PDB file of N, CA and C in Angstrom:
ATOM      1  N   MET A   1      86.063 110.444 107.313  1.00  0.00           N
ATOM      2  CA  MET A   1      85.508 110.722 109.099  1.00  0.00           C
ATOM      3  C   MET A   1      86.216 109.261 109.714  1.00  0.00           C
ATOM      4  N   GLY A   2      85.960 108.396 109.134  1.00  0.00           N
ATOM      5  CA  GLY A   2      86.226 107.073 109.305  1.00  0.00           C
ATOM      6  C   GLY A   2      85.867 105.957 108.512  1.00  0.00           C
ATOM      7  N   PHE A   3      86.003 104.781 108.929  1.00  0.00           N
ATOM      8  CA  PHE A   3      86.001 103.559 108.349  1.00  0.00           C
ATOM      9  C   PHE A   3      86.014 102.133 109.184  1.00  0.00           C
ATOM     10  N   ASP A   4      85.396 101.013 108.626  1.00  0.00           N
ATOM     11  CA  ASP A   4      85.327  99.665 109.395  1.00  0.00           C
ATOM     12  C   ASP A   4      85.389  98.913 107.903  1.00  0.00           C
ATOM     13  N   VAL A   5      86.419  97.939 108.303  1.00  0.00           N
ATOM     14  CA  VAL A   5      86.332  97.053 106.852  1.00  0.00           C
ATOM     15  C   VAL A   5      85.747  95.764 107.808  1.00  0.00           C
ATOM     16  N   LEU A   6      84.735  95.306 106.971  1.00  0.00           N
ATOM     17  CA  LEU A   6      84.126  93.777 107.614  1.00  0.00           C
ATOM     18  C   LEU A   6      84.206  92.671 106.371  1.00  0.00           C
ATOM     19  N   ALA A   7      83.634  91.766 106.378  1.00  0.00           N
ATOM     20  CA  ALA A   7      84.037  90.779 105.392  1.00  0.00           C
ATOM     21  C   ALA A   7      82.600  90.685 104.256  1.00  0.00           C
ATOM     22  N   GLY A   8      83.728  91.217 103.118  1.00  0.00           N
ATOM     23  CA  GLY A   8      83.141  91.624 102.003  1.00  0.00           C
ATOM     24  C   GLY A   8      82.675  92.816 101.719  1.00  0.00           C
ATOM     25  N   GLN A   9      82.723  94.063 102.973  1.00  0.00           N
ATOM     26  CA  GLN A   9      82.444  95.319 102.638  1.00  0.00           C
ATOM     27  C   GLN A   9      83.281  96.306 103.461  1.00  0.00           C
ATOM     28  N   LEU A  10      83.128  97.777 102.668  1.00  0.00           N
ATOM     29  CA  LEU A  10      84.010  98.565 103.748  1.00  0.00           C
ATOM     30  C   LEU A  10      82.739  99.532 104.452  1.00  0.00           C
ATOM     31  N   LEU A  11      82.521  99.945 105.371  1.00  0.00           N
ATOM     32  CA  LEU A  11      81.816 101.232 105.719  1.00  0.00           C
ATOM     33  C   LEU A  11      82.577 102.396 106.095  1.00  0.00           C
ATOM     34  N   THR A  12      82.179 103.280 105.298  1.00  0.00           N
ATOM     35  CA  THR A  12      82.664 104.627 105.094  1.00  0.00           C
ATOM     36  C   THR A  12      81.914 105.284 105.883  1.00  0.00           C
ATOM     37  N   TYR A  13      82.332 106.692 106.829  1.00  0.00           N
ATOM     38  CA  TYR A  13      81.748 107.671 107.313  1.00  0.00           C
ATOM     39  C   TYR A  13      82.018 109.002 107.044  1.00  0.00           C
ATOM     40  N   TRP A  14      81.220 109.503 106.544  1.00  0.00           N
ATOM     41  CA  TRP A  14      81.358 110.922 106.214  1.00  0.00           C
ATOM     42  C   TRP A  14      80.553 111.785 106.844  1.00  0.00           C
ATOM     43  N   ARG A  15      80.717 113.077 107.161  1.00  0.00           N
ATOM     44  CA  ARG A  15      80.507 114.239 107.746  1.00  0.00           C
ATOM     45  C   ARG A  15      80.463 115.571 106.713  1.00  0.00           C
ATOM     46  N   VAL A  16      79.030 115.876 106.667  1.00  0.00           N
ATOM     47  CA  VAL A  16      78.783 117.269 105.297  1.00  0.00           C
ATOM     48  C   VAL A  16      79.403 118.251 106.310  1.00  0.00           C
ATOM     49  N   GLU A  17      80.459 118.930 105.399  1.00  0.00           N
ATOM     50  CA  GLU A  17      80.904 120.345 105.864  1.00  0.00           C
ATOM     51  C   GLU A  17      80.788 121.666 105.152  1.00  0.00           C
ATOM     52  N   SER A  18      79.714 121.295 104.150  1.00  0.00           N
ATOM     53  CA  SER A  18      79.592 122.445 103.217  1.00  0.00           C
ATOM     54  C   SER A  18      78.070 122.562 102.827  1.00  0.00           C
ATOM     55  N   ALA A  19      77.216 123.634 102.793  1.00  0.00           N
ATOM     56  CA  ALA A  19      76.004 123.637 102.456  1.00  0.00           C
ATOM     57  C   ALA A  19      75.883 123.296 100.679  1.00  0.00           C
ATOM     58  N   ALA A  20      77.096 123.224 100.371  1.00  0.00           N
ATOM     59  CA  ALA A  20      76.712 123.072  98.936  1.00  0.00           C
ATOM     60  C   ALA A  20      77.402 121.867  98.356  1.00  0.00           C
ATOM     61  N   VAL A  21      76.364 120.618  98.642  1.00  0.00           N
ATOM     62  CA  VAL A  21      76.571 119.627  98.386  1.00  0.00           C
ATOM     63  C   VAL A  21      75.641 118.951  96.820  1.00  0.00           C
ATOM     64  N   PRO A  22      76.664 118.673  95.410  1.00  0.00           N
ATOM     65  CA  PRO A  22      75.931 118.399  94.513  1.00  0.00           C
ATOM     66  C   PRO A  22      75.047 117.214  94.721  1.00  0.00           C
ATOM     67  N   ASN A  23      73.963 117.299  93.831  1.00  0.00           N
ATOM     68  CA  ASN A  23      73.063 116.595  93.891  1.00  0.00           C
ATOM     69  C   ASN A  23      73.260 115.368  93.273  1.00  0.00           C
ATOM     70  N   ASP A  24      74.224 115.114  92.350  1.00  0.00           N
ATOM     71  CA  ASP A  24      74.527 113.961  91.741  1.00  0.00           C
ATOM     72  C   ASP A  24      75.679 113.356  92.328  1.00  0.00           C
ATOM     73  N   LEU A  25      76.082 113.695  93.732  1.00  0.00           N
ATOM     74  CA  LEU A  25      76.903 113.145  94.487  1.00  0.00           C
ATOM     75  C   LEU A  25      77.465 111.293  94.718  1.00  0.00           C
ATOM     76  N   LYS A  26      78.373 111.028  94.483  1.00  0.00           N
ATOM     77  CA  LYS A  26      78.596 109.504  94.502  1.00  0.00           C
ATOM     78  C   LYS A  26      80.283 109.442  95.441  1.00  0.00           C
ATOM     79  N   ALA A  27      79.959 108.476  95.793  1.00  0.00           N
ATOM     80  CA  ALA A  27      81.034 107.793  96.608  1.00  0.00           C
ATOM     81  C   ALA A  27      81.838 106.629  95.631  1.00  0.00           C
ATOM     82  N   PHE A  28      83.248 106.543  96.139  1.00  0.00           N
ATOM     83  CA  PHE A  28      83.946 105.422  95.191  1.00  0.00           C
ATOM     84  C   PHE A  28      84.599 104.825  96.048  1.00  0.00           C
ATOM     85  N   VAL A  29      85.055 103.427  95.891  1.00  0.00           N
ATOM     86  CA  VAL A  29      86.080 102.694  96.508  1.00  0.00           C
ATOM     87  C   VAL A  29      86.555 102.133  95.561  1.00  0.00           C
ATOM     88  N   HIS A  30      87.847 102.277  95.472  1.00  0.00           N
ATOM     89  CA  HIS A  30      89.020 100.963  95.063  1.00  0.00           C
ATOM     90  C   HIS A  30      89.614  99.922  96.044  1.00  0.00           C
ATOM     91  N   LEU A  31      89.395  98.502  95.831  1.00  0.00           N
ATOM     92  CA  LEU A  31      90.089  97.895  96.686  1.00  0.00           C
ATOM     93  C   LEU A  31      91.412  97.671  95.537  1.00  0.00           C
ATOM     94  N   LEU A  32      92.643  97.784  96.016  1.00  0.00           N
ATOM     95  CA  LEU A  32      93.554  97.719  95.112  1.00  0.00           C
ATOM     96  C   LEU A  32      94.536  96.624  95.494  1.00  0.00           C
ATOM     97  N   ASP A  33      94.811  95.922  94.528  1.00  0.00           N
ATOM     98  CA  ASP A  33      96.066  94.912  94.733  1.00  0.00           C
ATOM     99  C   ASP A  33      97.239  95.013  95.099  1.00  0.00           C
ATOM    100  N   ALA A  34      98.339  94.250  95.120  1.00  0.00           N
ATOM    101  CA  ALA A  34      99.484  94.563  95.373  1.00  0.00           C
ATOM    102  C   ALA A  34     100.368  95.589  94.360  1.00  0.00           C
ATOM    103  N   GLN A  35      99.947  95.581  93.153  1.00  0.00           N
ATOM    104  CA  GLN A  35     100.649  96.396  92.213  1.00  0.00           C
ATOM    105  C   GLN A  35      99.895  97.439  91.943  1.00  0.00           C
ATOM    106  N   GLY A  36      99.004  97.926  92.707  1.00  0.00           N
ATOM    107  CA  GLY A  36      97.846  99.347  92.810  1.00  0.00           C
ATOM    108  C   GLY A  36      97.075  99.277  91.931  1.00  0.00           C
ATOM    109  N   GLU A  37      96.607  97.720  91.582  1.00  0.00           N
ATOM    110  CA  GLU A  37      95.650  98.264  90.357  1.00  0.00           C
ATOM    111  C   GLU A  37      94.177  97.694  90.973  1.00  0.00           C
ATOM    112  N   ILE A  38      93.112  97.887  90.608  1.00  0.00           N
ATOM    113  CA  ILE A  38      91.815  97.911  90.789  1.00  0.00           C
ATOM    114  C   ILE A  38      91.723  96.469  90.798  1.00  0.00           C
ATOM    115  N   ALA A  39      91.220  95.632  92.132  1.00  0.00           N
ATOM    116  CA  ALA A  39      91.109  94.344  92.228  1.00  0.00           C
ATOM    117  C   ALA A  39      89.523  94.209  92.404  1.00  0.00           C
ATOM    118  N   ALA A  40      88.778  95.486  92.991  1.00  0.00           N
ATOM    119  CA  ALA A  40      87.447  95.530  92.929  1.00  0.00           C
ATOM    120  C   ALA A  40      87.213  96.738  93.243  1.00  0.00           C
ATOM    121  N   GLN A  41      85.617  97.132  92.891  1.00  0.00           N
ATOM    122  CA  GLN A  41      85.222  98.708  93.069  1.00  0.00           C
ATOM    123  C   GLN A  41      83.857  98.636  93.398  1.00  0.00           C
ATOM    124  N   HIS A  42      83.326  99.674  93.992  1.00  0.00           N
ATOM    125  CA  HIS A  42      81.814  99.971  94.254  1.00  0.00           C
ATOM    126  C   HIS A  42      81.952 101.668  94.330  1.00  0.00           C
ATOM    127  N   ASP A  43      80.635 102.023  93.421  1.00  0.00           N
ATOM    128  CA  ASP A  43      80.271 103.464  93.369  1.00  0.00           C
ATOM    129  C   ASP A  43      78.443 103.599  94.042  1.00  0.00           C
ATOM    130  N   GLY A  44      78.645 104.211  94.905  1.00  0.00           N
ATOM    131  CA  GLY A  44      77.415 104.618  95.497  1.00  0.00           C
ATOM    132  C   GLY A  44      77.438 105.845  96.294  1.00  0.00           C
ATOM    133  N   TRP A  45      75.970 106.148  96.710  1.00  0.00           N
ATOM    134  CA  TRP A  45      75.471 107.129  97.956  1.00  0.00           C
ATOM    135  C   TRP A  45      74.308 107.057  97.855  1.00  0.00           C
ATOM    136  N   ASP A  46      74.142 106.233  99.115  1.00  0.00           N
ATOM    137  CA  ASP A  46      72.745 106.185  99.692  1.00  0.00           C
ATOM    138  C   ASP A  46      72.026 107.417  99.989  1.00  0.00           C
ATOM    139  N   ALA A  47      72.441 108.183 100.585  1.00  0.00           N
ATOM    140  CA  ALA A  47      71.806 109.438 100.969  1.00  0.00           C
ATOM    141  C   ALA A  47      71.381 110.333 100.218  1.00  0.00           C
ATOM    142  N   VAL A  48      70.291 111.006 100.130  1.00  0.00           N
ATOM    143  CA  VAL A  48      69.827 111.939  99.039  1.00  0.00           C
ATOM    144  C   VAL A  48      70.707 113.515  99.616  1.00  0.00           C
ATOM    145  N   PRO A  49      71.160 113.717  98.534  1.00  0.00           N
ATOM    146  CA  PRO A  49      72.162 114.995  98.781  1.00  0.00           C
ATOM    147  C   PRO A  49      71.103 116.424  98.970  1.00  0.00           C
ATOM    148  N   ALA A  50      70.058 116.456  98.194  1.00  0.00           N
ATOM    149  CA  ALA A  50      69.292 117.476  98.785  1.00  0.00           C
ATOM    150  C   ALA A  50      68.898 117.645 100.105  1.00  0.00           C
ATOM    151  N   THR A  51      68.875 116.601 100.854  1.00  0.00           N
ATOM    152  CA  THR A  51      68.529 116.586 102.089  1.00  0.00           C
ATOM    153  C   THR A  51      69.332 116.766 103.331  1.00  0.00           C
ATOM    154  N   LEU A  52      70.301 116.790 102.621  1.00  0.00           N
ATOM    155  CA  LEU A  52      71.828 116.974 103.867  1.00  0.00           C
ATOM    156  C   LEU A  52      71.963 118.134 104.186  1.00  0.00           C
ATOM    157  N   GLN A  53      72.447 118.170 105.557  1.00  0.00           N
ATOM    158  CA  GLN A  53      72.907 119.700 106.176  1.00  0.00           C
ATOM    159  C   GLN A  53      74.144 119.612 106.712  1.00  0.00           C
ATOM    160  N   ILE A  54      74.607 120.377 106.931  1.00  0.00           N
ATOM    161  CA  ILE A  54      76.052 120.544 107.644  1.00  0.00           C
ATOM    162  C   ILE A  54      76.125 120.203 108.805  1.00  0.00           C
ATOM    163  N   GLY A  55      76.966 119.494 108.913  1.00  0.00           N
ATOM    164  CA  GLY A  55      77.114 118.215 110.391  1.00  0.00           C
ATOM    165  C   GLY A  55      76.326 117.305 110.326  1.00  0.00           C
ATOM    166  N   ASP A  56      75.631 116.768 109.470  1.00  0.00           N
ATOM    167  CA  ASP A  56      75.151 115.632 109.190  1.00  0.00           C
ATOM    168  C   ASP A  56      76.313 114.419 108.673  1.00  0.00           C
ATOM    169  N   ILE A  57      75.788 113.296 109.367  1.00  0.00           N
ATOM    170  CA  ILE A  57      76.996 112.134 109.706  1.00  0.00           C
ATOM    171  C   ILE A  57      76.088 111.309 108.603  1.00  0.00           C
ATOM    172  N   ILE A  58      77.000 110.784 107.303  1.00  0.00           N
ATOM    173  CA  ILE A  58      76.327 109.334 106.514  1.00  0.00           C
ATOM    174  C   ILE A  58      77.321 108.280 106.662  1.00  0.00           C
ATOM    175  N   ILE A  59      76.692 107.220 106.831  1.00  0.00           N
ATOM    176  CA  ILE A  59      77.231 105.876 106.875  1.00  0.00           C
ATOM    177  C   ILE A  59      76.926 105.245 105.403  1.00  0.00           C
ATOM    178  N   GLN A  60      77.970 105.012 104.665  1.00  0.00           N
ATOM    179  CA  GLN A  60      78.126 104.441 103.340  1.00  0.00           C
ATOM    180  C   GLN A  60      78.537 102.770 103.330  1.00  0.00           C
ATOM    181  N   ARG A  61      77.896 102.095 102.944  1.00  0.00           N
ATOM    182  CA  ARG A  61      78.509 100.630 102.784  1.00  0.00           C
ATOM    183  C   ARG A  61      78.848 100.474 101.453  1.00  0.00           C
ATOM    184  N   HIS A  62      79.793  99.527 101.405  1.00  0.00           N
ATOM    185  CA  HIS A  62      80.391  99.534  99.845  1.00  0.00           C
ATOM    186  C   HIS A  62      80.675  98.120  99.835  1.00  0.00           C
ATOM    187  N   LEU A  63      79.750  97.553  98.898  1.00  0.00           N
ATOM    188  CA  LEU A  63      80.172  95.644  98.918  1.00  0.00           C
ATOM    189  C   LEU A  63      81.179  95.638  98.049  1.00  0.00           C
ATOM    190  N   LEU A  64      82.198  95.124  98.411  1.00  0.00           N
ATOM    191  CA  LEU A  64      83.532  94.337  97.725  1.00  0.00           C
ATOM    192  C   LEU A  64      83.688  93.207  98.178  1.00  0.00           C
ATOM    193  N   ASP A  65      84.831  92.554  97.157  1.00  0.00           N
ATOM    194  CA  ASP A  65      84.883  91.129  97.218  1.00  0.00           C
ATOM    195  C   ASP A  65      86.328  91.188  97.781  1.00  0.00           C
ATOM    196  N   THR A  66      86.667  91.570  99.539  1.00  0.00           N
ATOM    197  CA  THR A  66      87.667  91.754  99.818  1.00  0.00           C
ATOM    198  C   THR A  66      88.583  90.507  99.691  1.00  0.00           C
ATOM    199  N   ALA A  67      87.800  88.860  99.531  1.00  0.00           N
ATOM    200  CA  ALA A  67      88.995  87.781  99.508  1.00  0.00           C
ATOM    201  C   ALA A  67      89.485  87.815  98.333  1.00  0.00           C
ATOM    202  N   ALA A  68      89.393  89.066  97.259  1.00  0.00           N
ATOM    203  CA  ALA A  68      89.934  89.122  95.934  1.00  0.00           C
ATOM    204  C   ALA A  68      91.624  89.574  96.001  1.00  0.00           C
ATOM    205  N   VAL A  69      91.858  90.075  97.460  1.00  0.00           N
ATOM    206  CA  VAL A  69      93.230  90.481  97.498  1.00  0.00           C
ATOM    207  C   VAL A  69      93.696  90.184  98.931  1.00  0.00           C
ATOM    208  N   PRO A  70      94.858  89.440  99.276  1.00  0.00           N
ATOM    209  CA  PRO A  70      95.078  89.082 100.645  1.00  0.00           C
ATOM    210  C   PRO A  70      95.685  90.085 101.321  1.00  0.00           C
ATOM    211  N   PRO A  71      95.394  90.031 102.440  1.00  0.00           N
ATOM    212  CA  PRO A  71      95.893  91.472 103.304  1.00  0.00           C
ATOM    213  C   PRO A  71      97.366  91.246 103.348  1.00  0.00           C
ATOM    214  N   PRO A  72      97.525  92.680 103.761  1.00  0.00           N
ATOM    215  CA  PRO A  72      96.741  93.740 104.133  1.00  0.00           C
ATOM    216  C   PRO A  72      96.039  94.234 103.083  1.00  0.00           C
ATOM    217  N   LEU A  73      94.902  94.890 103.348  1.00  0.00           N
ATOM    218  CA  LEU A  73      94.196  95.574 102.328  1.00  0.00           C
ATOM    219  C   LEU A  73      94.325  97.199 102.178  1.00  0.00           C
ATOM    220  N   THR A  74      94.519  97.385 100.856  1.00  0.00           N
ATOM    221  CA  THR A  74      94.341  98.801 100.371  1.00  0.00           C
ATOM    222  C   THR A  74      92.946  99.263  99.850  1.00  0.00           C
ATOM    223  N   PHE A  75      92.715 100.536 100.120  1.00  0.00           N
ATOM    224  CA  PHE A  75      91.806 101.218  99.447  1.00  0.00           C
ATOM    225  C   PHE A  75      91.788 102.560  99.113  1.00  0.00           C
ATOM    226  N   ARG A  76      91.250 102.984  97.839  1.00  0.00           N
ATOM    227  CA  ARG A  76      91.443 104.377  97.511  1.00  0.00           C
ATOM    228  C   ARG A  76      89.914 104.675  97.741  1.00  0.00           C
ATOM    229  N   LEU A  77      89.580 105.875  98.171  1.00  0.00           N
ATOM    230  CA  LEU A  77      88.073 106.489  98.049  1.00  0.00           C
ATOM    231  C   LEU A  77      88.172 108.181  98.051  1.00  0.00           C
ATOM    232  N   GLY A  78      87.003 108.160  97.724  1.00  0.00           N
ATOM    233  CA  GLY A  78      86.673 109.653  97.507  1.00  0.00           C
ATOM    234  C   GLY A  78      85.254 109.758  97.037  1.00  0.00           C
ATOM    235  N   LEU A  79      85.202 111.315  96.535  1.00  0.00           N
ATOM    236  CA  LEU A  79      83.743 111.605  96.317  1.00  0.00           C
ATOM    237  C   LEU A  79      83.873 112.281  94.997  1.00  0.00           C
ATOM    238  N   TYR A  80      82.521 111.973  94.120  1.00  0.00           N
ATOM    239  CA  TYR A  80      82.504 112.861  92.728  1.00  0.00           C
ATOM    240  C   TYR A  80      81.125 113.352  92.469  1.00  0.00           C
ATOM    241  N   GLN A  81      81.328 114.008  91.341  1.00  0.00           N
ATOM    242  CA  GLN A  81      79.942 114.294  90.600  1.00  0.00           C
ATOM    243  C   GLN A  81      79.900 113.277  89.791  1.00  0.00           C
ATOM    244  N   PHE A  82      78.467 112.755  89.760  1.00  0.00           N
ATOM    245  CA  PHE A  82      78.130 111.615  88.616  1.00  0.00           C
ATOM    246  C   PHE A  82      78.016 112.107  87.472  1.00  0.00           C
ATOM    247  N   HIS A  83      77.254 112.972  86.980  1.00  0.00           N
ATOM    248  CA  HIS A  83      77.392 113.429  85.431  1.00  0.00           C
ATOM    249  C   HIS A  83      78.793 113.840  85.374  1.00  0.00           C
ATOM    250  N   THR A  84      79.437 114.652  85.577  1.00  0.00           N
ATOM    251  CA  THR A  84      80.752 115.124  85.049  1.00  0.00           C
ATOM    252  C   THR A  84      82.016 114.387  85.634  1.00  0.00           C
ATOM    253  N   ASN A  85      81.674 113.435  86.254  1.00  0.00           N
ATOM    254  CA  ASN A  85      82.864 112.792  86.990  1.00  0.00           C
ATOM    255  C   ASN A  85      83.888 113.515  87.598  1.00  0.00           C
ATOM    256  N   GLN A  86      83.873 114.643  87.939  1.00  0.00           N
ATOM    257  CA  GLN A  86      84.371 115.452  88.591  1.00  0.00           C
ATOM    258  C   GLN A  86      84.599 115.037  90.011  1.00  0.00           C
ATOM    259  N   ARG A  87      86.158 115.108  90.649  1.00  0.00           N
ATOM    260  CA  ARG A  87      86.152 114.526  91.920  1.00  0.00           C
ATOM    261  C   ARG A  87      86.041 115.837  93.076  1.00  0.00           C
ATOM    262  N   LEU A  88      85.416 115.740  93.933  1.00  0.00           N
ATOM    263  CA  LEU A  88      85.516 116.613  94.951  1.00  0.00           C
ATOM    264  C   LEU A  88      87.045 116.463  95.710  1.00  0.00           C
ATOM    265  N   LEU A  89      87.310 117.259  95.828  1.00  0.00           N
ATOM    266  CA  LEU A  89      88.829 117.407  96.627  1.00  0.00           C
ATOM    267  C   LEU A  89      88.698 117.122  98.356  1.00  0.00           C
ATOM    268  N   THR A  90      89.521 116.811  99.006  1.00  0.00           N
ATOM    269  CA  THR A  90      89.736 116.100 100.406  1.00  0.00           C
ATOM    270  C   THR A  90      90.130 117.726 100.891  1.00  0.00           C
ATOM    271  N   ASN A  91      90.176 117.756 102.268  1.00  0.00           N
ATOM    272  CA  ASN A  91      90.624 119.045 102.925  1.00  0.00           C
ATOM    273  C   ASN A  91      92.234 119.472 102.404  1.00  0.00           C
ATOM    274  N   THR A  92      92.926 118.519 102.086  1.00  0.00           N
ATOM    275  CA  THR A  92      94.023 118.704 101.739  1.00  0.00           C
ATOM    276  C   THR A  92      94.613 119.253 100.077  1.00  0.00           C
ATOM    277  N   GLY A  93      93.350 119.153  99.738  1.00  0.00           N
ATOM    278  CA  GLY A  93      93.197 119.308  97.964  1.00  0.00           C
ATOM    279  C   GLY A  93      93.746 118.107  97.208  1.00  0.00           C
ATOM    280  N   ALA A  94      93.762 117.022  97.905  1.00  0.00           N
ATOM    281  CA  ALA A  94      93.711 115.540  97.187  1.00  0.00           C
ATOM    282  C   ALA A  94      92.496 115.319  96.618  1.00  0.00           C
ATOM    283  N   GLU A  95      92.638 114.203  95.387  1.00  0.00           N
ATOM    284  CA  GLU A  95      91.414 113.868  95.070  1.00  0.00           C
ATOM    285  C   GLU A  95      90.755 112.133  95.519  1.00  0.00           C
ATOM    286  N   TRP A  96      91.508 111.470  96.338  1.00  0.00           N
ATOM    287  CA  TRP A  96      91.155 110.490  96.935  1.00  0.00           C
ATOM    288  C   TRP A  96      92.085 110.345  98.549  1.00  0.00           C
ATOM    289  N   LEU A  97      91.288 109.419  99.149  1.00  0.00           N
ATOM    290  CA  LEU A  97      92.093 109.044 100.373  1.00  0.00           C
ATOM    291  C   LEU A  97      92.770 107.591 100.216  1.00  0.00           C
ATOM    292  N   ILE A  98      93.810 107.198 100.472  1.00  0.00           N
ATOM    293  CA  ILE A  98      94.446 105.810 100.454  1.00  0.00           C
ATOM    294  C   ILE A  98      93.853 105.659 102.143  1.00  0.00           C
ATOM    295  N   VAL A  99      93.206 104.175 102.303  1.00  0.00           N
ATOM    296  CA  VAL A  99      93.109 103.662 103.756  1.00  0.00           C
ATOM    297  C   VAL A  99      93.640 102.250 103.634  1.00  0.00           C
ATOM    298  N   GLU A 100      94.755 102.267 104.373  1.00  0.00           N
ATOM    299  CA  GLU A 100      95.319 100.719 104.414  1.00  0.00           C
ATOM    300  C   GLU A 100      94.976 100.059 105.753  1.00  0.00           C
ATOM    301  N   THR A 101      94.886  98.710 105.451  1.00  0.00           N
ATOM    302  CA  THR A 101      94.983  97.943 106.946  1.00  0.00           C
ATOM    303  C   THR A 101      96.067  97.215 107.418  1.00  0.00           C
ATOM    304  N   SER A 102      96.408  97.134 108.393  1.00  0.00           N
ATOM    305  CA  SER A 102      97.577  96.753 109.180  1.00  0.00           C
ATOM    306  C   SER A 102      96.986  95.964 110.278  1.00  0.00           C
ATOM    307  N   ASP A 103      98.281  95.560 110.910  1.00  0.00           N
ATOM    308  CA  ASP A 103      98.259  94.693 111.951  1.00  0.00           C
ATOM    309  C   ASP A 103      97.649  95.611 113.274  1.00  0.00           C
ATOM    310  N   LYS A 104      97.777  97.008 112.924  1.00  0.00           N
ATOM    311  CA  LYS A 104      97.317  98.268 113.924  1.00  0.00           C
ATOM    312  C   LYS A 104      96.230  98.705 113.780  1.00  0.00           C
ATOM    313  N   GLY A 105      95.580  98.041 112.836  1.00  0.00           N
ATOM    314  CA  GLY A 105      94.052  98.971 112.245  1.00  0.00           C
ATOM    315  C   GLY A 105      94.250  99.481 111.089  1.00  0.00           C
ATOM    316  N   LEU A 106      93.448 100.558 110.985  1.00  0.00           N
ATOM    317  CA  LEU A 106      93.569 101.318 109.633  1.00  0.00           C
ATOM    318  C   LEU A 106      94.570 102.584 109.686  1.00  0.00           C
ATOM    319  N   GLU A 107      95.077 102.844 108.471  1.00  0.00           N
ATOM    320  CA  GLU A 107      95.944 103.951 108.605  1.00  0.00           C
ATOM    321  C   GLU A 107      95.489 104.663 107.098  1.00  0.00           C
ATOM    322  N   THR A 108      95.542 106.024 107.141  1.00  0.00           N
ATOM    323  CA  THR A 108      95.067 106.714 106.037  1.00  0.00           C
ATOM    324  C   THR A 108      96.079 107.628 105.461  1.00  0.00           C
ATOM    325  N   ASN A 109      96.249 107.808 104.238  1.00  0.00           N
ATOM    326  CA  ASN A 109      96.945 108.864 103.674  1.00  0.00           C
ATOM    327  C   ASN A 109      96.257 109.530 102.466  1.00  0.00           C
ATOM    328  N   ASP A 110      96.492 110.641 102.424  1.00  0.00           N
ATOM    329  CA  ASP A 110      95.647 111.674 101.297  1.00  0.00           C
ATOM    330  C   ASP A 110      96.484 111.851  99.783  1.00  0.00           C
ATOM    331  N   GLN A 111      95.945 111.683  98.711  1.00  0.00           N
ATOM    332  CA  GLN A 111      96.877 111.407  97.483  1.00  0.00           C
ATOM    333  C   GLN A 111      96.559 112.771  96.528  1.00  0.00           C
TER     334      GLN A 111
END
């Protein structure tokens, strides 16, 4: 739904669009270097999945060493089930979303 890049962290904004939220839901964020390799990562989900309802908005803070990679920054992010490592798909059927910073702000691409 949205993103904010702050010093040392990425804030992600998610909206619940299904009543079937897995109980072991986690979000992942990978900060990618210029070669597309993971330079830093964070997995977590602070909201309790069983309490979520359609329309709820979740703000998740991901602590990352954003100084490890010079700008512009590229993030790969998505959701997965912790016990099976199965990724939830985006609305376009992708396993993750690519978020890139630029002089104009954030740009996103499904992958």
